[in-house]
Amino acid sequence: MKTAELRLMAIEELKTKLSDTRNELMNLRFQIVTGQQTDTSRLKAVRRQIAIYETILRERELGIKPEGEK
């Protein structure tokens, strides 16, 4: 999903997606340690997605509007 689409979502939806993504990260870490997963680039993508969710949630908490929106 694009960031603009995520910004239109409700806070509860974002929190749910954040929780799901954190669980996915934990599972990926276990898979890499046990040797089931060899594609470590997925870790970076999942961590980046978590950062995006947290950033959007923090913007809402502080009342910051994205650029281009008035």
PDB file of N, CA and C in Angstrom:
ATOM      1  N   MET A   1       0.830  -1.185   0.000  1.00  0.00           N
ATOM      2  CA  MET A   1       0.000   0.000   0.000  1.00  0.00           C
ATOM      3  C   MET A   1       0.874   1.249   0.000  1.00  0.00           C
ATOM      4  N   LYS A   2       0.388   2.243  -0.651  1.00  0.00           N
ATOM      5  CA  LYS A   2       1.124   3.496  -0.675  1.00  0.00           C
ATOM      6  C   LYS A   2       0.841   4.285   0.589  1.00  0.00           C
ATOM      7  N   THR A   3       1.742   5.156   0.923  1.00  0.00           N
ATOM      8  CA  THR A   3       1.614   5.952   2.137  1.00  0.00           C
ATOM      9  C   THR A   3       0.368   6.819   2.099  1.00  0.00           C
ATOM     10  N   ALA A   4       0.033   7.365   0.955  1.00  0.00           N
ATOM     11  CA  ALA A   4      -1.161   8.205   0.840  1.00  0.00           C
ATOM     12  C   ALA A   4      -2.421   7.407   1.160  1.00  0.00           C
ATOM     13  N   GLU A   5      -2.455   6.160   0.744  1.00  0.00           N
ATOM     14  CA  GLU A   5      -3.600   5.307   1.044  1.00  0.00           C
ATOM     15  C   GLU A   5      -3.659   4.984   2.532  1.00  0.00           C
ATOM     16  N   LEU A   6      -2.498   4.775   3.132  1.00  0.00           N
ATOM     17  CA  LEU A   6      -2.448   4.464   4.563  1.00  0.00           C
ATOM     18  C   LEU A   6      -2.921   5.648   5.404  1.00  0.00           C
ATOM     19  N   ARG A   7      -2.623   6.851   4.945  1.00  0.00           N
ATOM     20  CA  ARG A   7      -3.026   8.038   5.703  1.00  0.00           C
ATOM     21  C   ARG A   7      -4.541   8.213   5.734  1.00  0.00           C
ATOM     22  N   LEU A   8      -5.241   7.589   4.812  1.00  0.00           N
ATOM     23  CA  LEU A   8      -6.696   7.680   4.776  1.00  0.00           C
ATOM     24  C   LEU A   8      -7.368   6.654   5.690  1.00  0.00           C
ATOM     25  N   MET A   9      -6.601   5.703   6.194  1.00  0.00           N
ATOM     26  CA  MET A   9      -7.160   4.648   7.033  1.00  0.00           C
ATOM     27  C   MET A   9      -7.448   5.152   8.449  1.00  0.00           C
ATOM     28  N   ALA A  10      -8.343   4.451   9.127  1.00  0.00           N
ATOM     29  CA  ALA A  10      -8.665   4.773  10.516  1.00  0.00           C
ATOM     30  C   ALA A  10      -7.515   4.336  11.426  1.00  0.00           C
ATOM     31  N   ILE A  11      -7.443   4.950  12.592  1.00  0.00           N
ATOM     32  CA  ILE A  11      -6.366   4.657  13.528  1.00  0.00           C
ATOM     33  C   ILE A  11      -6.381   3.189  13.943  1.00  0.00           C
ATOM     34  N   GLU A  12      -7.547   2.639  14.203  1.00  0.00           N
ATOM     35  CA  GLU A  12      -7.639   1.237  14.630  1.00  0.00           C
ATOM     36  C   GLU A  12      -7.143   0.284  13.542  1.00  0.00           C
ATOM     37  N   GLU A  13      -7.446   0.609  12.282  1.00  0.00           N
ATOM     38  CA  GLU A  13      -6.954  -0.216  11.180  1.00  0.00           C
ATOM     39  C   GLU A  13      -5.434  -0.188  11.128  1.00  0.00           C
ATOM     40  N   LEU A  14      -4.860   1.006  11.300  1.00  0.00           N
ATOM     41  CA  LEU A  14      -3.409   1.135  11.288  1.00  0.00           C
ATOM     42  C   LEU A  14      -2.778   0.356  12.433  1.00  0.00           C
ATOM     43  N   LYS A  15      -3.388   0.425  13.605  1.00  0.00           N
ATOM     44  CA  LYS A  15      -2.851  -0.312  14.754  1.00  0.00           C
ATOM     45  C   LYS A  15      -2.920  -1.819  14.511  1.00  0.00           C
ATOM     46  N   THR A  16      -3.977  -2.269  13.880  1.00  0.00           N
ATOM     47  CA  THR A  16      -4.106  -3.695  13.566  1.00  0.00           C
ATOM     48  C   THR A  16      -3.040  -4.118  12.568  1.00  0.00           C
ATOM     49  N   LYS A  17      -2.859  -3.316  11.524  1.00  0.00           N
ATOM     50  CA  LYS A  17      -1.837  -3.620  10.521  1.00  0.00           C
ATOM     51  C   LYS A  17      -0.440  -3.600  11.145  1.00  0.00           C
ATOM     52  N   LEU A  18      -0.201  -2.657  12.053  1.00  0.00           N
ATOM     53  CA  LEU A  18       1.086  -2.574  12.727  1.00  0.00           C
ATOM     54  C   LEU A  18       1.332  -3.839  13.547  1.00  0.00           C
ATOM     55  N   SER A  19       0.339  -4.272  14.267  1.00  0.00           N
ATOM     56  CA  SER A  19       0.462  -5.486  15.070  1.00  0.00           C
ATOM     57  C   SER A  19       0.728  -6.706  14.187  1.00  0.00           C
ATOM     58  N   ASP A  20      -0.007  -6.825  13.098  1.00  0.00           N
ATOM     59  CA  ASP A  20       0.189  -7.944  12.174  1.00  0.00           C
ATOM     60  C   ASP A  20       1.594  -7.927  11.577  1.00  0.00           C
ATOM     61  N   THR A  21       2.065  -6.751  11.224  1.00  0.00           N
ATOM     62  CA  THR A  21       3.387  -6.623  10.616  1.00  0.00           C
ATOM     63  C   THR A  21       4.477  -6.948  11.624  1.00  0.00           C
ATOM     64  N   ARG A  22       4.292  -6.551  12.876  1.00  0.00           N
ATOM     65  CA  ARG A  22       5.271  -6.907  13.910  1.00  0.00           C
ATOM     66  C   ARG A  22       5.329  -8.418  14.113  1.00  0.00           C
ATOM     67  N   ASN A  23       4.163  -9.069  14.076  1.00  0.00           N
ATOM     68  CA  ASN A  23       4.129 -10.537  14.181  1.00  0.00           C
ATOM     69  C   ASN A  23       4.843 -11.177  12.999  1.00  0.00           C
ATOM     70  N   GLU A  24       4.642 -10.616  11.818  1.00  0.00           N
ATOM     71  CA  GLU A  24       5.322 -11.126  10.620  1.00  0.00           C
ATOM     72  C   GLU A  24       6.832 -10.998  10.767  1.00  0.00           C
ATOM     73  N   LEU A  25       7.295  -9.866  11.309  1.00  0.00           N
ATOM     74  CA  LEU A  25       8.727  -9.662  11.520  1.00  0.00           C
ATOM     75  C   LEU A  25       9.279 -10.707  12.484  1.00  0.00           C
ATOM     76  N   MET A  26       8.559 -10.966  13.564  1.00  0.00           N
ATOM     77  CA  MET A  26       9.003 -11.960  14.532  1.00  0.00           C
ATOM     78  C   MET A  26       9.094 -13.338  13.867  1.00  0.00           C
ATOM     79  N   ASN A  27       8.084 -13.692  13.072  1.00  0.00           N
ATOM     80  CA  ASN A  27       8.099 -14.985  12.385  1.00  0.00           C
ATOM     81  C   ASN A  27       9.252 -15.079  11.389  1.00  0.00           C
ATOM     82  N   LEU A  28       9.516 -13.994  10.677  1.00  0.00           N
ATOM     83  CA  LEU A  28      10.643 -13.988   9.737  1.00  0.00           C
ATOM     84  C   LEU A  28      11.964 -14.191  10.459  1.00  0.00           C
ATOM     85  N   ARG A  29      12.116 -13.550  11.606  1.00  0.00           N
ATOM     86  CA  ARG A  29      13.353 -13.717  12.376  1.00  0.00           C
ATOM     87  C   ARG A  29      13.540 -15.165  12.798  1.00  0.00           C
ATOM     88  N   PHE A  30      12.459 -15.804  13.267  1.00  0.00           N
ATOM     89  CA  PHE A  30      12.542 -17.209  13.653  1.00  0.00           C
ATOM     90  C   PHE A  30      12.887 -18.087  12.450  1.00  0.00           C
ATOM     91  N   GLN A  31      12.271 -17.800  11.304  1.00  0.00           N
ATOM     92  CA  GLN A  31      12.536 -18.598  10.113  1.00  0.00           C
ATOM     93  C   GLN A  31      13.990 -18.467   9.660  1.00  0.00           C
ATOM     94  N   ILE A  32      14.534 -17.273   9.760  1.00  0.00           N
ATOM     95  CA  ILE A  32      15.920 -17.073   9.351  1.00  0.00           C
ATOM     96  C   ILE A  32      16.868 -17.796  10.294  1.00  0.00           C
ATOM     97  N   VAL A  33      16.602 -17.732  11.581  1.00  0.00           N
ATOM     98  CA  VAL A  33      17.465 -18.391  12.568  1.00  0.00           C
ATOM     99  C   VAL A  33      17.421 -19.905  12.390  1.00  0.00           C
ATOM    100  N   THR A  34      16.242 -20.451  12.109  1.00  0.00           N
ATOM    101  CA  THR A  34      16.114 -21.902  11.965  1.00  0.00           C
ATOM    102  C   THR A  34      16.503 -22.400  10.578  1.00  0.00           C
ATOM    103  N   GLY A  35      16.772 -21.486   9.657  1.00  0.00           N
ATOM    104  CA  GLY A  35      17.207 -21.871   8.326  1.00  0.00           C
ATOM    105  C   GLY A  35      16.081 -22.128   7.350  1.00  0.00           C
ATOM    106  N   GLN A  36      14.860 -21.862   7.727  1.00  0.00           N
ATOM    107  CA  GLN A  36      13.727 -22.069   6.825  1.00  0.00           C
ATOM    108  C   GLN A  36      13.642 -20.966   5.778  1.00  0.00           C
ATOM    109  N   GLN A  37      14.153 -19.796   6.100  1.00  0.00           N
ATOM    110  CA  GLN A  37      14.063 -18.628   5.213  1.00  0.00           C
ATOM    111  C   GLN A  37      15.478 -18.190   4.864  1.00  0.00           C
ATOM    112  N   THR A  38      15.747 -17.996   3.585  1.00  0.00           N
ATOM    113  CA  THR A  38      17.064 -17.522   3.169  1.00  0.00           C
ATOM    114  C   THR A  38      17.009 -16.124   2.574  1.00  0.00           C
ATOM    115  N   ASP A  39      15.804 -15.645   2.292  1.00  0.00           N
ATOM    116  CA  ASP A  39      15.634 -14.315   1.697  1.00  0.00           C
ATOM    117  C   ASP A  39      15.586 -13.268   2.815  1.00  0.00           C
ATOM    118  N   THR A  40      16.752 -12.719   3.165  1.00  0.00           N
ATOM    119  CA  THR A  40      16.811 -11.757   4.261  1.00  0.00           C
ATOM    120  C   THR A  40      16.356 -10.369   3.852  1.00  0.00           C
ATOM    121  N   SER A  41      16.161 -10.122   2.578  1.00  0.00           N
ATOM    122  CA  SER A  41      15.724  -8.795   2.131  1.00  0.00           C
ATOM    123  C   SER A  41      14.291  -8.505   2.588  1.00  0.00           C
ATOM    124  N   ARG A  42      13.531  -9.535   2.864  1.00  0.00           N
ATOM    125  CA  ARG A  42      12.149  -9.356   3.349  1.00  0.00           C
ATOM    126  C   ARG A  42      12.143  -8.681   4.712  1.00  0.00           C
ATOM    127  N   LEU A  43      13.180  -8.940   5.526  1.00  0.00           N
ATOM    128  CA  LEU A  43      13.293  -8.297   6.840  1.00  0.00           C
ATOM    129  C   LEU A  43      13.324  -6.776   6.705  1.00  0.00           C
ATOM    130  N   LYS A  44      14.114  -6.299   5.777  1.00  0.00           N
ATOM    131  CA  LYS A  44      14.232  -4.858   5.582  1.00  0.00           C
ATOM    132  C   LYS A  44      12.896  -4.247   5.164  1.00  0.00           C
ATOM    133  N   ALA A  45      12.196  -4.921   4.275  1.00  0.00           N
ATOM    134  CA  ALA A  45      10.908  -4.410   3.801  1.00  0.00           C
ATOM    135  C   ALA A  45       9.883  -4.373   4.928  1.00  0.00           C
ATOM    136  N   VAL A  46       9.870  -5.394   5.768  1.00  0.00           N
ATOM    137  CA  VAL A  46       8.912  -5.442   6.877  1.00  0.00           C
ATOM    138  C   VAL A  46       9.251  -4.373   7.919  1.00  0.00           C
ATOM    139  N   ARG A  47      10.529  -4.204   8.222  1.00  0.00           N
ATOM    140  CA  ARG A  47      10.922  -3.160   9.177  1.00  0.00           C
ATOM    141  C   ARG A  47      10.553  -1.774   8.657  1.00  0.00           C
ATOM    142  N   ARG A  48      10.723  -1.568   7.364  1.00  0.00           N
ATOM    143  CA  ARG A  48      10.372  -0.283   6.763  1.00  0.00           C
ATOM    144  C   ARG A  48       8.863  -0.043   6.849  1.00  0.00           C
ATOM    145  N   GLN A  49       8.068  -1.089   6.623  1.00  0.00           N
ATOM    146  CA  GLN A  49       6.615  -0.960   6.703  1.00  0.00           C
ATOM    147  C   GLN A  49       6.190  -0.621   8.129  1.00  0.00           C
ATOM    148  N   ILE A  50       6.835  -1.234   9.117  1.00  0.00           N
ATOM    149  CA  ILE A  50       6.546  -0.922  10.521  1.00  0.00           C
ATOM    150  C   ILE A  50       6.842   0.549  10.792  1.00  0.00           C
ATOM    151  N   ALA A  51       7.952   1.042  10.276  1.00  0.00           N
ATOM    152  CA  ALA A  51       8.319   2.445  10.478  1.00  0.00           C
ATOM    153  C   ALA A  51       7.282   3.382   9.858  1.00  0.00           C
ATOM    154  N   ILE A  52       6.759   3.024   8.705  1.00  0.00           N
ATOM    155  CA  ILE A  52       5.745   3.850   8.052  1.00  0.00           C
ATOM    156  C   ILE A  52       4.480   3.908   8.897  1.00  0.00           C
ATOM    157  N   TYR A  53       4.031   2.746   9.384  1.00  0.00           N
ATOM    158  CA  TYR A  53       2.834   2.710  10.235  1.00  0.00           C
ATOM    159  C   TYR A  53       3.028   3.555  11.490  1.00  0.00           C
ATOM    160  N   GLU A  54       4.192   3.393  12.132  1.00  0.00           N
ATOM    161  CA  GLU A  54       4.444   4.150  13.359  1.00  0.00           C
ATOM    162  C   GLU A  54       4.519   5.650  13.088  1.00  0.00           C
ATOM    163  N   THR A  55       5.086   6.026  11.965  1.00  0.00           N
ATOM    164  CA  THR A  55       5.190   7.441  11.612  1.00  0.00           C
ATOM    165  C   THR A  55       3.806   8.052  11.406  1.00  0.00           C
ATOM    166  N   ILE A  56       2.954   7.352  10.686  1.00  0.00           N
ATOM    167  CA  ILE A  56       1.608   7.866  10.430  1.00  0.00           C
ATOM    168  C   ILE A  56       0.819   7.972  11.735  1.00  0.00           C
ATOM    169  N   LEU A  57       0.938   6.960  12.591  1.00  0.00           N
ATOM    170  CA  LEU A  57       0.251   7.015  13.889  1.00  0.00           C
ATOM    171  C   LEU A  57       0.763   8.179  14.734  1.00  0.00           C
ATOM    172  N   ARG A  58       2.056   8.415  14.711  1.00  0.00           N
ATOM    173  CA  ARG A  58       2.629   9.525  15.482  1.00  0.00           C
ATOM    174  C   ARG A  58       2.187  10.864  14.915  1.00  0.00           C
ATOM    175  N   GLU A  59       2.114  10.995  13.600  1.00  0.00           N
ATOM    176  CA  GLU A  59       1.628  12.230  12.979  1.00  0.00           C
ATOM    177  C   GLU A  59       0.211  12.541  13.449  1.00  0.00           C
ATOM    178  N   ARG A  60      -0.613  11.505  13.492  1.00  0.00           N
ATOM    179  CA  ARG A  60      -1.994  11.702  13.940  1.00  0.00           C
ATOM    180  C   ARG A  60      -2.032  12.105  15.408  1.00  0.00           C
ATOM    181  N   GLU A  61      -1.178  11.499  16.199  1.00  0.00           N
ATOM    182  CA  GLU A  61      -1.124  11.813  17.632  1.00  0.00           C
ATOM    183  C   GLU A  61      -0.748  13.277  17.855  1.00  0.00           C
ATOM    184  N   LEU A  62       0.188  13.772  17.054  1.00  0.00           N
ATOM    185  CA  LEU A  62       0.643  15.148  17.186  1.00  0.00           C
ATOM    186  C   LEU A  62      -0.227  16.137  16.421  1.00  0.00           C
ATOM    187  N   GLY A  63      -1.106  15.635  15.578  1.00  0.00           N
ATOM    188  CA  GLY A  63      -1.981  16.509  14.801  1.00  0.00           C
ATOM    189  C   GLY A  63      -1.292  17.127  13.604  1.00  0.00           C
ATOM    190  N   ILE A  64      -0.277  16.479  13.110  1.00  0.00           N
ATOM    191  CA  ILE A  64       0.465  16.986  11.951  1.00  0.00           C
ATOM    192  C   ILE A  64      -0.261  16.560  10.686  1.00  0.00           C
ATOM    193  N   LYS A  65      -0.452  17.502   9.791  1.00  0.00           N
ATOM    194  CA  LYS A  65      -1.089  17.212   8.508  1.00  0.00           C
ATOM    195  C   LYS A  65       0.019  16.948   7.472  1.00  0.00           C
ATOM    196  N   PRO A  66      -0.187  15.974   6.582  1.00  0.00           N
ATOM    197  CA  PRO A  66       0.794  15.705   5.544  1.00  0.00           C
ATOM    198  C   PRO A  66       0.934  16.893   4.592  1.00  0.00           C
ATOM    199  N   GLU A  67       2.080  16.952   3.917  1.00  0.00           N
ATOM    200  CA  GLU A  67       2.315  18.036   2.956  1.00  0.00           C
ATOM    201  C   GLU A  67       1.263  18.018   1.856  1.00  0.00           C
ATOM    202  N   GLY A  68       0.841  19.167   1.449  1.00  0.00           N
ATOM    203  CA  GLY A  68      -0.146  19.279   0.386  1.00  0.00           C
ATOM    204  C   GLY A  68      -1.585  19.249   0.893  1.00  0.00           C
ATOM    205  N   GLU A  69      -1.776  18.961   2.151  1.00  0.00           N
ATOM    206  CA  GLU A  69      -3.123  18.937   2.727  1.00  0.00           C
ATOM    207  C   GLU A  69      -3.284  20.137   3.629  1.00  0.00           C
ATOM    208  N   LYS A  70      -4.440  20.782   3.581  1.00  0.00           N
ATOM    209  CA  LYS A  70      -4.638  21.978   4.384  1.00  0.00           C
ATOM    210  C   LYS A  70      -5.703  21.779   5.407  1.00  0.00           C
TER     211      LYS A  70
END
